[in-house]
């Protein structure tokens, strides 16, 4: 996972205030430059397997939404909370093949942990990078002191299995939750905002909004419960990271609010808060536009990973190693 400081630099800009889901956006925040989404072309490249995976997953999601199964979209967001250290394409693959997955690992990794894949269980296919070594130019010219440089050669299909597909030694840490308590996550999030030069203040003047993002400054309504204040702060942090920069495709206020709320859902669920499902809320990301839906899901996943990295939520101890 990239460090929060470097990952969030690309989001920096100022396009005016963006409010919470209880307050309207300003008019200038609703304007975005229109340009072609990368998903309209790159997903058709046969030599890019990760984009193929993303396209397959988004196509499946589109069919589910068209059939009225909005809970599939919520399952995708839940997978982002549970597997935030995985690539975007692999997260979608896990969610598509086994929406209920909680922890995944390869056959060999589970064996090392004292658990064994049950007979007849079908693996979840994801992609693992294949690396090799390339001789440097100076080495080819006779200087052999330098070490060969590792390079990405491509990807290979590997199979992982969910915890529920295995049996053996109990892993009690898999059932650990914070039980609805924010704990030290609020303080870590505030420290992250300070690092990003985003000021935090409390004001009763923003009521009935619970929070407002102004671009470099967040205001929260005082008197919220700790859990409510935390998720509101995550929501407004998402606006700061997501909606102060130019987007590839034009978005609406509804889409931007839903993206921020989806980030709050993912982060809250990842730290153990009871977030509910609210699948009908997230359906607003889908407006019959596959390119915009794919783009929204990717920026939601990326922003959630940045915030969870700042919160030091790193409980994904399993790899795809077979």
Protein backbone atom coordinates (compact mmCIF):
# COMPACT_ATOMS: atom_id res chain seq x y z
CA UNK A 1 0.00 0.00 0.00
CA UNK A 2 1.34 3.43 -0.89
CA UNK A 3 1.94 5.79 2.00
CA UNK A 4 -0.90 8.23 2.76
CA UNK A 5 1.30 11.28 2.27
CA UNK A 6 2.24 10.39 -1.28
CA UNK A 7 -1.11 8.92 -2.25
CA UNK A 8 -3.12 11.96 -1.26
CA UNK A 9 -0.92 14.47 -3.05
CA UNK A 10 -2.70 13.76 -6.32
CA UNK A 11 -6.02 14.75 -4.79
CA UNK A 12 -4.92 18.23 -3.71
CA UNK A 13 -6.83 21.12 -5.26
CA UNK A 14 -9.53 23.62 -4.23
CA UNK A 15 -12.90 23.73 -5.94
CA UNK A 16 -14.96 25.33 -3.21
CA UNK A 17 -16.90 23.78 -0.32
CA UNK A 18 -18.45 20.34 -0.41
CA UNK A 19 -20.98 19.57 2.31
CA UNK A 20 -22.03 16.41 4.05
CA UNK A 21 -24.98 14.27 3.02
CA UNK A 22 -27.25 16.57 5.01
CA UNK A 23 -26.30 19.83 3.30
CA UNK A 24 -26.37 20.88 -0.38
CA UNK A 25 -23.21 21.44 -2.38
CA UNK A 26 -22.28 24.89 -3.57
CA UNK A 27 -22.87 25.48 -7.28
CA UNK A 28 -19.19 25.73 -8.20
CA UNK A 29 -18.52 22.35 -6.55
CA UNK A 30 -20.97 20.72 -8.94
CA UNK A 31 -18.94 21.66 -12.00
CA UNK A 32 -16.42 19.13 -13.30
CA UNK A 33 -14.57 18.97 -16.59
CA UNK A 34 -15.76 16.24 -18.91
CA UNK A 35 -13.20 13.88 -20.42
CA UNK A 36 -13.16 10.33 -21.57
CA UNK A 37 -12.93 7.71 -18.85
CA UNK A 38 -10.00 5.26 -19.09
CA UNK A 39 -12.41 2.36 -18.69
CA UNK A 40 -13.92 3.06 -22.10
CA UNK A 41 -10.74 1.94 -23.85
CA UNK A 42 -8.21 0.35 -21.55
CA UNK A 43 -10.56 -2.40 -20.45
CA UNK A 44 -10.54 -3.80 -23.99
CA UNK A 45 -6.78 -4.31 -24.13
CA UNK A 46 -6.06 -8.00 -24.26
CA UNK A 47 -2.54 -7.51 -22.93
CA UNK A 48 -3.72 -5.91 -19.68
CA UNK A 49 -5.15 -8.71 -17.50
CA UNK A 50 -5.90 -6.46 -14.55
CA UNK A 51 -8.14 -4.26 -16.68
CA UNK A 52 -9.84 -7.38 -18.04
CA UNK A 53 -10.61 -8.47 -14.46
CA UNK A 54 -12.01 -5.05 -13.62
CA UNK A 55 -14.19 -5.05 -16.73
CA UNK A 56 -15.52 -8.53 -15.97
CA UNK A 57 -16.37 -7.56 -12.40
CA UNK A 58 -18.02 -4.28 -13.40
CA UNK A 59 -20.00 -6.00 -16.18
CA UNK A 60 -21.24 -8.55 -13.65
CA UNK A 61 -22.17 -5.77 -11.25
CA UNK A 62 -24.03 -3.91 -13.99
CA UNK A 63 -26.10 -7.02 -14.77
CA UNK A 64 -26.91 -7.46 -11.09
CA UNK A 65 -28.00 -3.85 -10.74
CA UNK A 66 -30.12 -4.04 -13.88
CA UNK A 67 -31.79 -7.11 -12.37
CA UNK A 68 -32.54 -5.14 -9.20
CA UNK A 69 -29.89 -6.73 -6.99
CA UNK A 70 -28.52 -3.58 -5.35
CA UNK A 71 -27.08 -5.62 -2.47
CA UNK A 72 -24.32 -6.76 -4.86
CA UNK A 73 -22.93 -3.22 -4.88
CA UNK A 74 -22.93 -3.16 -1.08
CA UNK A 75 -21.08 -6.49 -1.11
CA UNK A 76 -18.39 -4.91 -3.31
CA UNK A 77 -17.98 -2.08 -0.80
CA UNK A 78 -17.79 -4.60 2.04
CA UNK A 79 -15.00 -6.41 0.21
CA UNK A 80 -13.11 -3.13 -0.05
CA UNK A 81 -13.29 -2.83 3.74
CA UNK A 82 -12.06 -6.38 4.34
CA UNK A 83 -9.37 -6.54 1.63
CA UNK A 84 -8.08 -2.99 1.45
CA UNK A 85 -4.49 -4.19 0.98
CA UNK A 86 -5.39 -6.01 -2.23
CA UNK A 87 -5.38 -4.44 -5.68
CA UNK A 88 -8.61 -2.96 -6.97
CA UNK A 89 -9.00 -5.69 -9.59
CA UNK A 90 -8.47 -8.51 -7.10
CA UNK A 91 -10.92 -6.96 -4.63
CA UNK A 92 -13.59 -6.98 -7.32
CA UNK A 93 -12.71 -10.56 -8.24
CA UNK A 94 -13.09 -11.74 -4.64
CA UNK A 95 -16.38 -9.87 -4.24
CA UNK A 96 -17.75 -11.27 -7.50
CA UNK A 97 -16.81 -14.89 -6.81
CA UNK A 98 -17.45 -15.02 -3.06
CA UNK A 99 -19.19 -11.93 -1.66
CA UNK A 100 -19.19 -13.36 1.88
CA UNK A 101 -15.41 -13.85 2.06
CA UNK A 102 -13.80 -12.51 5.23
CA UNK A 103 -10.13 -13.56 4.98
CA UNK A 104 -8.43 -15.27 2.06
CA UNK A 105 -5.12 -17.06 1.62
CA UNK A 106 -3.54 -19.61 -0.66
CA UNK A 107 -3.64 -23.36 -0.01
CA UNK A 108 -0.08 -23.41 1.34
CA UNK A 109 -0.55 -20.31 3.48
CA UNK A 110 -3.57 -21.83 5.21
CA UNK A 111 -1.60 -25.03 5.80
CA UNK A 112 1.17 -23.06 7.53
CA UNK A 113 -1.50 -21.54 9.79
CA UNK A 114 -2.73 -25.01 10.77
CA UNK A 115 -5.85 -24.92 8.65
CA UNK A 116 -6.72 -27.02 5.60
CA UNK A 117 -9.00 -26.40 2.65
CA UNK A 118 -12.13 -28.54 2.84
CA UNK A 119 -12.57 -31.20 0.19
CA UNK A 120 -14.52 -30.02 -2.84
CA UNK A 121 -14.12 -26.30 -2.15
CA UNK A 122 -13.69 -24.12 -5.23
CA UNK A 123 -10.87 -21.58 -5.10
CA UNK A 124 -11.24 -17.86 -5.74
CA UNK A 125 -9.17 -16.88 -8.76
CA UNK A 126 -7.13 -13.70 -8.52
CA UNK A 127 -3.97 -12.40 -10.19
CA UNK A 128 -0.51 -12.47 -8.65
CA UNK A 129 2.42 -10.50 -10.09
CA UNK A 130 5.29 -12.35 -11.74
CA UNK A 131 8.63 -10.63 -11.28
CA UNK A 132 11.97 -11.24 -12.91
CA UNK A 133 15.36 -9.57 -13.08
CA UNK A 134 16.74 -7.46 -15.89
CA UNK A 135 20.41 -6.79 -16.40
CA UNK A 136 21.30 -3.16 -16.12
CA UNK A 137 23.00 -1.41 -19.02
CA UNK A 138 26.28 -0.91 -17.16
CA UNK A 139 26.31 -4.61 -16.30
CA UNK A 140 25.93 -5.53 -19.95
CA UNK A 141 28.93 -3.34 -20.69
CA UNK A 142 31.11 -5.30 -18.29
CA UNK A 143 30.45 -3.69 -14.89
CA UNK A 144 29.05 -6.52 -12.75
CA UNK A 145 29.05 -4.89 -9.30
CA UNK A 146 25.46 -3.65 -9.57
CA UNK A 147 22.58 -5.94 -8.68
CA UNK A 148 19.99 -6.93 -11.30
CA UNK A 149 16.85 -4.85 -11.02
CA UNK A 150 13.52 -6.61 -10.32
CA UNK A 151 10.89 -5.90 -12.95
CA UNK A 152 7.26 -6.88 -13.40
CA UNK A 153 7.08 -9.54 -16.08
CA UNK A 154 3.33 -10.07 -16.01
CA UNK A 155 0.63 -11.78 -13.97
CA UNK A 156 -0.44 -15.32 -13.30
CA UNK A 157 -3.71 -16.72 -12.05
CA UNK A 158 -3.61 -18.07 -8.48
CA UNK A 159 -6.33 -19.44 -6.27
CA UNK A 160 -7.11 -18.37 -2.73
CA UNK A 161 -9.66 -19.73 -0.29
CA UNK A 162 -11.88 -18.01 2.23
CA UNK A 163 -11.58 -18.78 5.94
CA UNK A 164 -15.00 -20.46 5.84
CA UNK A 165 -13.69 -22.87 3.19
CA UNK A 166 -11.06 -24.19 5.61
CA UNK A 167 -10.99 -26.14 8.84
CA UNK A 168 -8.42 -26.77 11.55
CA UNK A 169 -6.80 -24.59 14.19
CA UNK A 170 -9.02 -21.72 15.29
CA UNK A 171 -7.77 -18.23 14.54
CA UNK A 172 -9.48 -16.10 17.19
CA UNK A 173 -7.97 -12.88 15.85
CA UNK A 174 -10.20 -13.22 12.79
CA UNK A 175 -13.23 -12.52 14.96
CA UNK A 176 -11.77 -9.41 16.58
CA UNK A 177 -13.86 -6.29 16.28
CA UNK A 178 -13.81 -2.98 18.08
CA UNK A 179 -17.43 -3.53 19.07
CA UNK A 180 -18.65 -0.17 17.89
CA UNK A 181 -15.96 1.79 19.71
CA UNK A 182 -13.88 4.31 17.79
CA UNK A 183 -10.85 3.84 20.05
CA UNK A 184 -7.73 5.70 18.94
CA UNK A 185 -8.86 5.94 15.33
CA UNK A 186 -10.29 9.42 15.75
CA UNK A 187 -7.00 10.80 17.02
CA UNK A 188 -5.08 9.12 14.21
CA UNK A 189 -7.48 10.55 11.65
CA UNK A 190 -7.09 14.04 13.11
CA UNK A 191 -3.29 13.63 12.99
CA UNK A 192 -3.59 12.59 9.34
CA UNK A 193 -5.61 15.72 8.56
CA UNK A 194 -2.93 17.83 10.23
CA UNK A 195 -0.28 16.20 8.03
CA UNK A 196 -2.37 17.07 4.99
CA UNK A 197 -2.76 20.70 6.17
CA UNK A 198 -6.51 20.27 6.57
CA UNK A 199 -7.86 22.23 9.54
CA UNK A 200 -10.60 20.83 11.78
CA UNK A 201 -13.09 22.98 13.66
CA UNK A 202 -16.46 22.63 15.37
CA UNK A 203 -19.36 24.94 14.63
CA UNK A 204 -23.08 24.95 15.43
CA UNK A 205 -23.63 27.28 12.47
CA UNK A 206 -23.44 24.40 9.98
CA UNK A 207 -26.62 22.74 11.35
CA UNK A 208 -28.50 20.76 10.17
CA UNK A 209 -25.39 19.43 8.40
CA UNK A 210 -23.27 17.08 10.51
CA UNK A 211 -20.14 18.13 8.68
CA UNK A 212 -18.96 20.39 5.88
CA UNK A 213 -15.81 20.23 3.73
CA UNK A 214 -14.51 23.61 2.55
CA UNK A 215 -11.28 22.60 0.82
CA UNK A 216 -8.43 22.68 3.35
CA UNK A 217 -10.88 22.97 6.25
CA UNK A 218 -13.51 20.68 7.77
CA UNK A 219 -16.25 21.81 10.15
CA UNK A 220 -18.15 19.35 12.34
CA UNK A 221 -21.37 19.84 14.25
CA UNK A 222 -20.67 19.47 17.99
CA UNK A 223 -22.61 17.06 20.16
CA UNK A 224 -22.42 13.97 17.95
CA UNK A 225 -21.71 10.55 19.44
CA UNK A 226 -18.13 9.35 19.06
CA UNK A 227 -19.03 6.83 16.36
CA UNK A 228 -21.21 9.33 14.48
CA UNK A 229 -18.56 12.04 14.71
CA UNK A 230 -15.89 9.64 13.43
CA UNK A 231 -17.89 8.51 10.40
CA UNK A 232 -18.86 12.11 9.64
CA UNK A 233 -15.20 13.08 9.79
CA UNK A 234 -14.29 10.21 7.44
CA UNK A 235 -17.07 11.35 5.09
CA UNK A 236 -15.73 14.91 4.97
CA UNK A 237 -12.13 13.68 4.69
CA UNK A 238 -13.23 11.72 1.62
CA UNK A 239 -14.59 14.93 0.13
CA UNK A 240 -11.27 16.64 0.79
CA UNK A 241 -9.34 13.87 -0.95
CA UNK A 242 -11.80 13.08 -3.72
CA UNK A 243 -13.72 16.14 -4.73
CA UNK A 244 -11.26 19.02 -4.69
CA UNK A 245 -9.54 17.83 -7.86
CA UNK A 246 -10.62 17.48 -11.47
CA UNK A 247 -12.38 14.22 -12.29
CA UNK A 248 -12.02 12.21 -15.48
CA UNK A 249 -15.76 12.24 -16.07
CA UNK A 250 -18.38 14.72 -14.97
CA UNK A 251 -20.13 13.88 -11.70
CA UNK A 252 -23.22 15.10 -9.92
CA UNK A 253 -23.65 16.20 -6.33
CA UNK A 254 -25.51 12.94 -5.66
CA UNK A 255 -22.65 10.81 -6.99
CA UNK A 256 -20.08 12.75 -4.97
CA UNK A 257 -22.12 12.44 -1.79
CA UNK A 258 -22.58 8.73 -2.37
CA UNK A 259 -18.86 8.25 -3.00
CA UNK A 260 -18.01 9.99 0.28
CA UNK A 261 -20.63 7.98 2.16
CA UNK A 262 -19.28 4.77 0.61
CA UNK A 263 -15.79 5.64 1.88
CA UNK A 264 -17.23 6.24 5.36
CA UNK A 265 -19.02 2.86 5.14
CA UNK A 266 -15.81 1.04 4.17
CA UNK A 267 -13.61 2.70 6.79
CA UNK A 268 -16.22 2.36 9.53
CA UNK A 269 -16.73 -1.31 8.76
CA UNK A 270 -12.98 -1.92 8.62
CA UNK A 271 -12.48 -0.53 12.14
CA UNK A 272 -15.38 -2.52 13.53
CA UNK A 273 -18.28 -0.07 13.63
CA UNK A 274 -21.81 -1.23 12.90
CA UNK A 275 -22.49 0.46 9.58
CA UNK A 276 -25.52 -1.49 8.34
CA UNK A 277 -25.98 -2.28 4.66
CA UNK A 278 -28.03 0.56 3.18
CA UNK A 279 -27.74 -1.02 -0.27
CA UNK A 280 -30.45 1.28 -1.59
CA UNK A 281 -28.26 4.30 -0.80
CA UNK A 282 -25.30 3.11 -2.84
CA UNK A 283 -27.46 2.36 -5.86
CA UNK A 284 -27.14 6.08 -6.60
CA UNK A 285 -23.64 5.41 -7.90
CA UNK A 286 -25.27 3.54 -10.76
CA UNK A 287 -26.94 5.64 -13.43
CA UNK A 288 -26.59 3.27 -16.37
CA UNK A 289 -23.04 4.50 -16.99
CA UNK A 290 -20.53 1.65 -16.67
CA UNK A 291 -17.53 3.95 -17.07
CA UNK A 292 -18.61 6.27 -14.26
CA UNK A 293 -19.53 3.34 -12.00
CA UNK A 294 -16.10 1.74 -12.49
CA UNK A 295 -14.37 5.06 -11.91
CA UNK A 296 -16.37 5.69 -8.73
CA UNK A 297 -15.57 2.25 -7.34
CA UNK A 298 -11.87 2.71 -8.00
CA UNK A 299 -11.61 6.15 -6.38
CA UNK A 300 -13.69 4.89 -3.43
CA UNK A 301 -11.30 1.96 -2.95
CA UNK A 302 -8.19 4.12 -3.31
CA UNK A 303 -9.40 6.80 -0.91
CA UNK A 304 -10.51 4.21 1.66
CA UNK A 305 -7.09 2.55 1.48
CA UNK A 306 -5.35 5.89 2.06
CA UNK A 307 -7.47 6.64 5.15
CA UNK A 308 -7.12 3.10 6.54
CA UNK A 309 -3.38 3.35 6.03
CA UNK A 310 -3.37 6.53 8.10
CA UNK A 311 -5.41 4.76 10.79
CA UNK A 312 -2.85 1.93 10.77
CA UNK A 313 -5.57 -0.60 10.01
CA UNK A 314 -3.43 -3.39 8.59
CA UNK A 315 -5.01 -6.64 9.71
CA UNK A 316 -4.78 -8.36 6.32
CA UNK A 317 -2.06 -10.84 7.26
CA UNK A 318 -2.77 -13.32 4.53
CA UNK A 319 -1.25 -13.36 1.07
CA UNK A 320 -2.15 -15.01 -2.17
CA UNK A 321 0.87 -17.32 -1.94
CA UNK A 322 -0.06 -20.88 -2.76
